[in-house]
Amino acid sequence: MGDGGKGPTASSTTPWTGAAPELCQLMLVPGLSADNNLAERNLHPLVVIRKISGGSRSDEGPKTRMALASLFETWQARGLNPLRECLNLLS
């Protein structure tokens, strides 16, 4: 205390400043999950592929893999055929 807000207690509360609306969404939105398990499960196959392949040897490799994964996940979530969508992009 008396450190001008730069002590351990001040820094531990800083991330929550002004976050009340975001924190209340859990109570306001019916069915909103309190955890990120769905996101973790969706990322798991990409992590497994990265581990098996030994990662990427370039800076562009991970960016490309994540961009493609995002496209395929979006198409699948929208009920579209990823192969057909790829062919549409190429034509």
PDB file of N, CA and C in Angstrom:
ATOM      1  N   MET A   1       0.831  -1.176   0.000  1.00  0.00           N
ATOM      2  CA  MET A   1       0.000   0.000   0.000  1.00  0.00           C
ATOM      3  C   MET A   1       0.877   1.241   0.000  1.00  0.00           C
ATOM      4  N   GLY A   2       0.347   2.311  -0.474  1.00  0.00           N
ATOM      5  CA  GLY A   2       1.130   3.518  -0.536  1.00  0.00           C
ATOM      6  C   GLY A   2       2.186   3.480  -1.625  1.00  0.00           C
ATOM      7  N   ASP A   3       2.072   2.547  -2.559  1.00  0.00           N
ATOM      8  CA  ASP A   3       3.065   2.419  -3.630  1.00  0.00           C
ATOM      9  C   ASP A   3       2.557   3.015  -4.936  1.00  0.00           C
ATOM     10  N   GLY A   4       1.494   3.802  -4.871  1.00  0.00           N
ATOM     11  CA  GLY A   4       0.980   4.451  -6.072  1.00  0.00           C
ATOM     12  C   GLY A   4       0.268   3.492  -7.012  1.00  0.00           C
ATOM     13  N   GLY A   5      -0.254   2.381  -6.479  1.00  0.00           N
ATOM     14  CA  GLY A   5      -0.975   1.423  -7.321  1.00  0.00           C
ATOM     15  C   GLY A   5      -0.073   0.528  -8.141  1.00  0.00           C
ATOM     16  N   LYS A   6       1.186   0.396  -7.708  1.00  0.00           N
ATOM     17  CA  LYS A   6       2.105  -0.429  -8.485  1.00  0.00           C
ATOM     18  C   LYS A   6       2.562  -1.670  -7.734  1.00  0.00           C
ATOM     19  N   GLY A   7       1.917  -1.986  -6.623  1.00  0.00           N
ATOM     20  CA  GLY A   7       2.288  -3.159  -5.831  1.00  0.00           C
ATOM     21  C   GLY A   7       1.628  -4.414  -6.354  1.00  0.00           C
ATOM     22  N   PRO A   8       1.860  -5.534  -5.677  1.00  0.00           N
ATOM     23  CA  PRO A   8       1.323  -6.814  -6.150  1.00  0.00           C
ATOM     24  C   PRO A   8      -0.196  -6.860  -6.185  1.00  0.00           C
ATOM     25  N   THR A   9      -0.856  -6.199  -5.233  1.00  0.00           N
ATOM     26  CA  THR A   9      -2.323  -6.236  -5.254  1.00  0.00           C
ATOM     27  C   THR A   9      -2.882  -5.393  -6.383  1.00  0.00           C
ATOM     28  N   ALA A  10      -2.223  -4.298  -6.716  1.00  0.00           N
ATOM     29  CA  ALA A  10      -2.699  -3.443  -7.811  1.00  0.00           C
ATOM     30  C   ALA A  10      -2.577  -4.162  -9.137  1.00  0.00           C
ATOM     31  N   SER A  11      -1.467  -4.853  -9.371  1.00  0.00           N
ATOM     32  CA  SER A  11      -1.279  -5.517 -10.648  1.00  0.00           C
ATOM     33  C   SER A  11      -2.199  -6.719 -10.803  1.00  0.00           C
ATOM     34  N   SER A  12      -2.562  -7.382  -9.689  1.00  0.00           N
ATOM     35  CA  SER A  12      -3.426  -8.546  -9.807  1.00  0.00           C
ATOM     36  C   SER A  12      -4.871  -8.159 -10.093  1.00  0.00           C
ATOM     37  N   THR A  13      -5.265  -6.926  -9.783  1.00  0.00           N
ATOM     38  CA  THR A  13      -6.639  -6.513 -10.051  1.00  0.00           C
ATOM     39  C   THR A  13      -6.780  -5.778 -11.374  1.00  0.00           C
ATOM     40  N   THR A  14      -5.698  -5.335 -11.974  1.00  0.00           N
ATOM     41  CA  THR A  14      -5.750  -4.556 -13.208  1.00  0.00           C
ATOM     42  C   THR A  14      -6.496  -5.244 -14.342  1.00  0.00           C
ATOM     43  N   PRO A  15      -6.301  -6.538 -14.617  1.00  0.00           N
ATOM     44  CA  PRO A  15      -7.011  -7.156 -15.745  1.00  0.00           C
ATOM     45  C   PRO A  15      -8.530  -7.114 -15.615  1.00  0.00           C
ATOM     46  N   TRP A  16      -9.043  -7.009 -14.395  1.00  0.00           N
ATOM     47  CA  TRP A  16     -10.490  -7.034 -14.208  1.00  0.00           C
ATOM     48  C   TRP A  16     -11.116  -5.657 -14.324  1.00  0.00           C
ATOM     49  N   THR A  17     -10.320  -4.611 -14.373  1.00  0.00           N
ATOM     50  CA  THR A  17     -10.853  -3.258 -14.446  1.00  0.00           C
ATOM     51  C   THR A  17     -11.706  -3.097 -15.700  1.00  0.00           C
ATOM     52  N   GLY A  18     -12.957  -2.757 -15.512  1.00  0.00           N
ATOM     53  CA  GLY A  18     -13.854  -2.529 -16.642  1.00  0.00           C
ATOM     54  C   GLY A  18     -14.349  -3.794 -17.316  1.00  0.00           C
ATOM     55  N   ALA A  19     -14.116  -4.962 -16.719  1.00  0.00           N
ATOM     56  CA  ALA A  19     -14.503  -6.219 -17.351  1.00  0.00           C
ATOM     57  C   ALA A  19     -15.871  -6.719 -16.895  1.00  0.00           C
ATOM     58  N   ALA A  20     -16.549  -5.973 -16.050  1.00  0.00           N
ATOM     59  CA  ALA A  20     -17.827  -6.433 -15.510  1.00  0.00           C
ATOM     60  C   ALA A  20     -18.838  -6.825 -16.591  1.00  0.00           C
ATOM     61  N   PRO A  21     -19.028  -6.031 -17.667  1.00  0.00           N
ATOM     62  CA  PRO A  21     -20.012  -6.453 -18.685  1.00  0.00           C
ATOM     63  C   PRO A  21     -19.684  -7.809 -19.308  1.00  0.00           C
ATOM     64  N   GLU A  22     -18.394  -8.065 -19.572  1.00  0.00           N
ATOM     65  CA  GLU A  22     -17.999  -9.341 -20.163  1.00  0.00           C
ATOM     66  C   GLU A  22     -18.215 -10.491 -19.184  1.00  0.00           C
ATOM     67  N   LEU A  23     -17.932 -10.241 -17.913  1.00  0.00           N
ATOM     68  CA  LEU A  23     -18.091 -11.289 -16.912  1.00  0.00           C
ATOM     69  C   LEU A  23     -19.562 -11.604 -16.665  1.00  0.00           C
ATOM     70  N   CYS A  24     -20.432 -10.636 -16.829  1.00  0.00           N
ATOM     71  CA  CYS A  24     -21.862 -10.842 -16.591  1.00  0.00           C
ATOM     72  C   CYS A  24     -22.538 -11.585 -17.743  1.00  0.00           C
ATOM     73  N   GLN A  25     -21.902 -11.695 -18.890  1.00  0.00           N
ATOM     74  CA  GLN A  25     -22.509 -12.375 -20.033  1.00  0.00           C
ATOM     75  C   GLN A  25     -22.889 -13.802 -19.689  1.00  0.00           C
ATOM     76  N   LEU A  26     -22.106 -14.438 -18.831  1.00  0.00           N
ATOM     77  CA  LEU A  26     -22.384 -15.816 -18.432  1.00  0.00           C
ATOM     78  C   LEU A  26     -23.757 -15.921 -17.779  1.00  0.00           C
ATOM     79  N   MET A  27     -24.136 -14.909 -17.027  1.00  0.00           N
ATOM     80  CA  MET A  27     -25.437 -14.927 -16.357  1.00  0.00           C
ATOM     81  C   MET A  27     -26.550 -14.425 -17.267  1.00  0.00           C
ATOM     82  N   LEU A  28     -26.214 -13.588 -18.248  1.00  0.00           N
ATOM     83  CA  LEU A  28     -27.232 -12.965 -19.092  1.00  0.00           C
ATOM     84  C   LEU A  28     -27.601 -13.773 -20.332  1.00  0.00           C
ATOM     85  N   VAL A  29     -26.669 -14.588 -20.839  1.00  0.00           N
ATOM     86  CA  VAL A  29     -26.901 -15.327 -22.077  1.00  0.00           C
ATOM     87  C   VAL A  29     -27.194 -16.786 -21.754  1.00  0.00           C
ATOM     88  N   PRO A  30     -28.432 -17.222 -21.982  1.00  0.00           N
ATOM     89  CA  PRO A  30     -28.772 -18.614 -21.689  1.00  0.00           C
ATOM     90  C   PRO A  30     -27.943 -19.579 -22.539  1.00  0.00           C
ATOM     91  N   GLY A  31     -27.409 -20.618 -21.910  1.00  0.00           N
ATOM     92  CA  GLY A  31     -26.662 -21.639 -22.627  1.00  0.00           C
ATOM     93  C   GLY A  31     -25.203 -21.315 -22.861  1.00  0.00           C
ATOM     94  N   LEU A  32     -24.744 -20.138 -22.442  1.00  0.00           N
ATOM     95  CA  LEU A  32     -23.339 -19.776 -22.626  1.00  0.00           C
ATOM     96  C   LEU A  32     -22.476 -20.596 -21.681  1.00  0.00           C
ATOM     97  N   SER A  33     -21.461 -21.234 -22.231  1.00  0.00           N
ATOM     98  CA  SER A  33     -20.601 -22.110 -21.441  1.00  0.00           C
ATOM     99  C   SER A  33     -19.643 -21.301 -20.574  1.00  0.00           C
ATOM    100  N   ALA A  34     -19.379 -21.808 -19.380  1.00  0.00           N
ATOM    101  CA  ALA A  34     -18.470 -21.132 -18.456  1.00  0.00           C
ATOM    102  C   ALA A  34     -17.020 -21.535 -18.678  1.00  0.00           C
ATOM    103  N   ASP A  35     -16.763 -22.405 -19.619  1.00  0.00           N
ATOM    104  CA  ASP A  35     -15.384 -22.832 -19.868  1.00  0.00           C
ATOM    105  C   ASP A  35     -15.098 -22.781 -21.359  1.00  0.00           C
ATOM    106  N   ASN A  36     -13.886 -23.132 -21.727  1.00  0.00           N
ATOM    107  CA  ASN A  36     -13.507 -23.117 -23.138  1.00  0.00           C
ATOM    108  C   ASN A  36     -13.208 -24.534 -23.644  1.00  0.00           C
ATOM    109  N   ASN A  37     -13.870 -25.529 -23.070  1.00  0.00           N
ATOM    110  CA  ASN A  37     -13.625 -26.916 -23.462  1.00  0.00           C
ATOM    111  C   ASN A  37     -13.898 -27.162 -24.943  1.00  0.00           C
ATOM    112  N   LEU A  38     -14.932 -26.558 -25.484  1.00  0.00           N
ATOM    113  CA  LEU A  38     -15.255 -26.745 -26.899  1.00  0.00           C
ATOM    114  C   LEU A  38     -14.113 -26.235 -27.777  1.00  0.00           C
ATOM    115  N   ALA A  39     -13.594 -25.066 -27.454  1.00  0.00           N
ATOM    116  CA  ALA A  39     -12.470 -24.518 -28.223  1.00  0.00           C
ATOM    117  C   ALA A  39     -11.242 -25.411 -28.099  1.00  0.00           C
ATOM    118  N   GLU A  40     -10.982 -25.910 -26.911  1.00  0.00           N
ATOM    119  CA  GLU A  40      -9.835 -26.799 -26.706  1.00  0.00           C
ATOM    120  C   GLU A  40      -9.994 -28.087 -27.510  1.00  0.00           C
ATOM    121  N   ARG A  41     -11.194 -28.644 -27.523  1.00  0.00           N
ATOM    122  CA  ARG A  41     -11.434 -29.881 -28.290  1.00  0.00           C
ATOM    123  C   ARG A  41     -11.283 -29.631 -29.787  1.00  0.00           C
ATOM    124  N   ASN A  42     -11.697 -28.458 -30.256  1.00  0.00           N
ATOM    125  CA  ASN A  42     -11.559 -28.139 -31.677  1.00  0.00           C
ATOM    126  C   ASN A  42     -10.106 -27.966 -32.090  1.00  0.00           C
ATOM    127  N   LEU A  43      -9.258 -27.492 -31.186  1.00  0.00           N
ATOM    128  CA  LEU A  43      -7.841 -27.299 -31.493  1.00  0.00           C
ATOM    129  C   LEU A  43      -7.029 -28.586 -31.372  1.00  0.00           C
ATOM    130  N   HIS A  44      -7.526 -29.547 -30.631  1.00  0.00           N
ATOM    131  CA  HIS A  44      -6.754 -30.760 -30.348  1.00  0.00           C
ATOM    132  C   HIS A  44      -6.232 -31.474 -31.599  1.00  0.00           C
ATOM    133  N   PRO A  45      -7.042 -31.685 -32.636  1.00  0.00           N
ATOM    134  CA  PRO A  45      -6.506 -32.363 -33.834  1.00  0.00           C
ATOM    135  C   PRO A  45      -5.331 -31.614 -34.460  1.00  0.00           C
ATOM    136  N   LEU A  46      -5.362 -30.278 -34.443  1.00  0.00           N
ATOM    137  CA  LEU A  46      -4.246 -29.505 -34.994  1.00  0.00           C
ATOM    138  C   LEU A  46      -2.978 -29.694 -34.164  1.00  0.00           C
ATOM    139  N   VAL A  47      -3.141 -29.777 -32.863  1.00  0.00           N
ATOM    140  CA  VAL A  47      -1.989 -29.990 -31.985  1.00  0.00           C
ATOM    141  C   VAL A  47      -1.386 -31.364 -32.236  1.00  0.00           C
ATOM    142  N   VAL A  48      -2.241 -32.371 -32.399  1.00  0.00           N
ATOM    143  CA  VAL A  48      -1.756 -33.733 -32.666  1.00  0.00           C
ATOM    144  C   VAL A  48      -0.994 -33.769 -33.983  1.00  0.00           C
ATOM    145  N   ILE A  49      -1.529 -33.140 -35.017  1.00  0.00           N
ATOM    146  CA  ILE A  49      -0.848 -33.104 -36.320  1.00  0.00           C
ATOM    147  C   ILE A  49       0.508 -32.420 -36.187  1.00  0.00           C
ATOM    148  N   ARG A  50       0.547 -31.307 -35.455  1.00  0.00           N
ATOM    149  CA  ARG A  50       1.811 -30.601 -35.265  1.00  0.00           C
ATOM    150  C   ARG A  50       2.825 -31.477 -34.550  1.00  0.00           C
ATOM    151  N   LYS A  51       2.381 -32.211 -33.521  1.00  0.00           N
ATOM    152  CA  LYS A  51       3.293 -33.072 -32.766  1.00  0.00           C
ATOM    153  C   LYS A  51       3.818 -34.206 -33.640  1.00  0.00           C
ATOM    154  N   ILE A  52       2.945 -34.832 -34.415  1.00  0.00           N
ATOM    155  CA  ILE A  52       3.353 -35.959 -35.262  1.00  0.00           C
ATOM    156  C   ILE A  52       4.307 -35.499 -36.348  1.00  0.00           C
ATOM    157  N   SER A  53       4.019 -34.346 -36.946  1.00  0.00           N
ATOM    158  CA  SER A  53       4.837 -33.874 -38.068  1.00  0.00           C
ATOM    159  C   SER A  53       6.134 -33.216 -37.625  1.00  0.00           C
ATOM    160  N   GLY A  54       6.271 -32.940 -36.340  1.00  0.00           N
ATOM    161  CA  GLY A  54       7.471 -32.272 -35.863  1.00  0.00           C
ATOM    162  C   GLY A  54       7.416 -30.772 -36.055  1.00  0.00           C
ATOM    163  N   GLY A  55       6.254 -30.238 -36.313  1.00  0.00           N
ATOM    164  CA  GLY A  55       6.113 -28.798 -36.488  1.00  0.00           C
ATOM    165  C   GLY A  55       6.393 -28.366 -37.910  1.00  0.00           C
ATOM    166  N   SER A  56       6.646 -27.101 -38.059  1.00  0.00           N
ATOM    167  CA  SER A  56       6.884 -26.534 -39.375  1.00  0.00           C
ATOM    168  C   SER A  56       8.299 -25.969 -39.421  1.00  0.00           C
ATOM    169  N   ARG A  57       8.901 -26.011 -40.571  1.00  0.00           N
ATOM    170  CA  ARG A  57      10.283 -25.562 -40.726  1.00  0.00           C
ATOM    171  C   ARG A  57      10.391 -24.110 -41.200  1.00  0.00           C
ATOM    172  N   SER A  58       9.264 -23.468 -41.399  1.00  0.00           N
ATOM    173  CA  SER A  58       9.302 -22.082 -41.871  1.00  0.00           C
ATOM    174  C   SER A  58       8.341 -21.231 -41.054  1.00  0.00           C
ATOM    175  N   ASP A  59       8.451 -19.919 -41.183  1.00  0.00           N
ATOM    176  CA  ASP A  59       7.528 -19.017 -40.504  1.00  0.00           C
ATOM    177  C   ASP A  59       6.140 -19.056 -41.140  1.00  0.00           C
ATOM    178  N   GLU A  60       6.083 -19.328 -42.426  1.00  0.00           N
ATOM    179  CA  GLU A  60       4.802 -19.334 -43.140  1.00  0.00           C
ATOM    180  C   GLU A  60       4.010 -20.627 -42.916  1.00  0.00           C
ATOM    181  N   GLY A  61       4.681 -21.705 -42.573  1.00  0.00           N
ATOM    182  CA  GLY A  61       4.014 -22.998 -42.392  1.00  0.00           C
ATOM    183  C   GLY A  61       2.873 -22.967 -41.392  1.00  0.00           C
ATOM    184  N   PRO A  62       3.123 -22.517 -40.160  1.00  0.00           N
ATOM    185  CA  PRO A  62       2.027 -22.482 -39.183  1.00  0.00           C
ATOM    186  C   PRO A  62       0.899 -21.532 -39.586  1.00  0.00           C
ATOM    187  N   LYS A  63       1.240 -20.412 -40.203  1.00  0.00           N
ATOM    188  CA  LYS A  63       0.209 -19.462 -40.647  1.00  0.00           C
ATOM    189  C   LYS A  63      -0.685 -20.109 -41.694  1.00  0.00           C
ATOM    190  N   THR A  64      -0.064 -20.808 -42.643  1.00  0.00           N
ATOM    191  CA  THR A  64      -0.825 -21.478 -43.699  1.00  0.00           C
ATOM    192  C   THR A  64      -1.709 -22.569 -43.115  1.00  0.00           C
ATOM    193  N   ARG A  65      -1.146 -23.385 -42.225  1.00  0.00           N
ATOM    194  CA  ARG A  65      -1.908 -24.483 -41.619  1.00  0.00           C
ATOM    195  C   ARG A  65      -3.106 -23.948 -40.853  1.00  0.00           C
ATOM    196  N   MET A  66      -2.906 -22.871 -40.081  1.00  0.00           N
ATOM    197  CA  MET A  66      -4.007 -22.320 -39.300  1.00  0.00           C
ATOM    198  C   MET A  66      -5.067 -21.664 -40.196  1.00  0.00           C
ATOM    199  N   ALA A  67      -4.639 -21.010 -41.267  1.00  0.00           N
ATOM    200  CA  ALA A  67      -5.599 -20.401 -42.189  1.00  0.00           C
ATOM    201  C   ALA A  67      -6.451 -21.471 -42.855  1.00  0.00           C
ATOM    202  N   LEU A  68      -5.816 -22.547 -43.288  1.00  0.00           N
ATOM    203  CA  LEU A  68      -6.565 -23.642 -43.916  1.00  0.00           C
ATOM    204  C   LEU A  68      -7.495 -24.314 -42.910  1.00  0.00           C
ATOM    205  N   ALA A  69      -7.014 -24.522 -41.706  1.00  0.00           N
ATOM    206  CA  ALA A  69      -7.853 -25.147 -40.679  1.00  0.00           C
ATOM    207  C   ALA A  69      -9.069 -24.264 -40.390  1.00  0.00           C
ATOM    208  N   SER A  70      -8.866 -22.966 -40.342  1.00  0.00           N
ATOM    209  CA  SER A  70      -9.967 -22.042 -40.105  1.00  0.00           C
ATOM    210  C   SER A  70     -11.000 -22.109 -41.223  1.00  0.00           C
ATOM    211  N   LEU A  71     -10.523 -22.139 -42.471  1.00  0.00           N
ATOM    212  CA  LEU A  71     -11.440 -22.258 -43.611  1.00  0.00           C
ATOM    213  C   LEU A  71     -12.252 -23.550 -43.537  1.00  0.00           C
ATOM    214  N   PHE A  72     -11.568 -24.663 -43.319  1.00  0.00           N
ATOM    215  CA  PHE A  72     -12.254 -25.955 -43.286  1.00  0.00           C
ATOM    216  C   PHE A  72     -13.249 -26.031 -42.138  1.00  0.00           C
ATOM    217  N   GLU A  73     -12.896 -25.516 -40.965  1.00  0.00           N
ATOM    218  CA  GLU A  73     -13.808 -25.521 -39.826  1.00  0.00           C
ATOM    219  C   GLU A  73     -15.027 -24.638 -40.098  1.00  0.00           C
ATOM    220  N   THR A  74     -14.813 -23.494 -40.723  1.00  0.00           N
ATOM    221  CA  THR A  74     -15.923 -22.597 -41.042  1.00  0.00           C
ATOM    222  C   THR A  74     -16.876 -23.252 -42.023  1.00  0.00           C
ATOM    223  N   TRP A  75     -16.323 -23.843 -43.079  1.00  0.00           N
ATOM    224  CA  TRP A  75     -17.174 -24.523 -44.063  1.00  0.00           C
ATOM    225  C   TRP A  75     -17.951 -25.658 -43.413  1.00  0.00           C
ATOM    226  N   GLN A  76     -17.294 -26.426 -42.581  1.00  0.00           N
ATOM    227  CA  GLN A  76     -17.964 -27.546 -41.925  1.00  0.00           C
ATOM    228  C   GLN A  76     -19.065 -27.039 -40.991  1.00  0.00           C
ATOM    229  N   ALA A  77     -18.789 -25.968 -40.238  1.00  0.00           N
ATOM    230  CA  ALA A  77     -19.790 -25.410 -39.324  1.00  0.00           C
ATOM    231  C   ALA A  77     -20.998 -24.885 -40.083  1.00  0.00           C
ATOM    232  N   ARG A  78     -20.791 -24.422 -41.310  1.00  0.00           N
ATOM    233  CA  ARG A  78     -21.892 -23.909 -42.136  1.00  0.00           C
ATOM    234  C   ARG A  78     -22.583 -25.007 -42.932  1.00  0.00           C
ATOM    235  N   GLY A  79     -22.134 -26.247 -42.750  1.00  0.00           N
ATOM    236  CA  GLY A  79     -22.752 -27.367 -43.455  1.00  0.00           C
ATOM    237  C   GLY A  79     -22.348 -27.462 -44.912  1.00  0.00           C
ATOM    238  N   LEU A  80     -21.217 -26.861 -45.278  1.00  0.00           N
ATOM    239  CA  LEU A  80     -20.741 -26.890 -46.656  1.00  0.00           C
ATOM    240  C   LEU A  80     -19.718 -28.003 -46.844  1.00  0.00           C
ATOM    241  N   ASN A  81     -19.548 -28.435 -48.061  1.00  0.00           N
ATOM    242  CA  ASN A  81     -18.576 -29.475 -48.396  1.00  0.00           C
ATOM    243  C   ASN A  81     -17.210 -28.815 -48.619  1.00  0.00           C
ATOM    244  N   PRO A  82     -16.221 -29.079 -47.745  1.00  0.00           N
ATOM    245  CA  PRO A  82     -14.909 -28.438 -47.889  1.00  0.00           C
ATOM    246  C   PRO A  82     -14.244 -28.693 -49.237  1.00  0.00           C
ATOM    247  N   LEU A  83     -14.374 -29.896 -49.778  1.00  0.00           N
ATOM    248  CA  LEU A  83     -13.764 -30.202 -51.067  1.00  0.00           C
ATOM    249  C   LEU A  83     -14.392 -29.341 -52.163  1.00  0.00           C
ATOM    250  N   ARG A  84     -15.694 -29.240 -52.161  1.00  0.00           N
ATOM    251  CA  ARG A  84     -16.392 -28.425 -53.160  1.00  0.00           C
ATOM    252  C   ARG A  84     -15.990 -26.954 -53.003  1.00  0.00           C
ATOM    253  N   GLU A  85     -15.877 -26.491 -51.772  1.00  0.00           N
ATOM    254  CA  GLU A  85     -15.499 -25.087 -51.537  1.00  0.00           C
ATOM    255  C   GLU A  85     -14.078 -24.813 -52.020  1.00  0.00           C
ATOM    256  N   CYS A  86     -13.167 -25.769 -51.826  1.00  0.00           N
ATOM    257  CA  CYS A  86     -11.792 -25.614 -52.328  1.00  0.00           C
ATOM    258  C   CYS A  86     -11.803 -25.517 -53.845  1.00  0.00           C
ATOM    259  N   LEU A  87     -12.559 -26.377 -54.479  1.00  0.00           N
ATOM    260  CA  LEU A  87     -12.647 -26.360 -55.943  1.00  0.00           C
ATOM    261  C   LEU A  87     -13.232 -25.037 -56.436  1.00  0.00           C
ATOM    262  N   ASN A  88     -14.211 -24.505 -55.692  1.00  0.00           N
ATOM    263  CA  ASN A  88     -14.793 -23.206 -56.050  1.00  0.00           C
ATOM    264  C   ASN A  88     -13.750 -22.094 -55.960  1.00  0.00           C
ATOM    265  N   LEU A  89     -12.888 -22.159 -54.954  1.00  0.00           N
ATOM    266  CA  LEU A  89     -11.840 -21.150 -54.812  1.00  0.00           C
ATOM    267  C   LEU A  89     -10.843 -21.211 -55.962  1.00  0.00           C
ATOM    268  N   LEU A  90     -10.572 -22.417 -56.446  1.00  0.00           N
ATOM    269  CA  LEU A  90      -9.580 -22.592 -57.503  1.00  0.00           C
ATOM    270  C   LEU A  90     -10.120 -22.262 -58.880  1.00  0.00           C
ATOM    271  N   SER A  91     -11.434 -22.266 -59.027  1.00  0.00           N
ATOM    272  CA  SER A  91     -12.004 -21.997 -60.368  1.00  0.00           C
ATOM    273  C   SER A  91     -12.343 -20.552 -60.575  1.00  0.00           C
TER     274      SER A  91
END
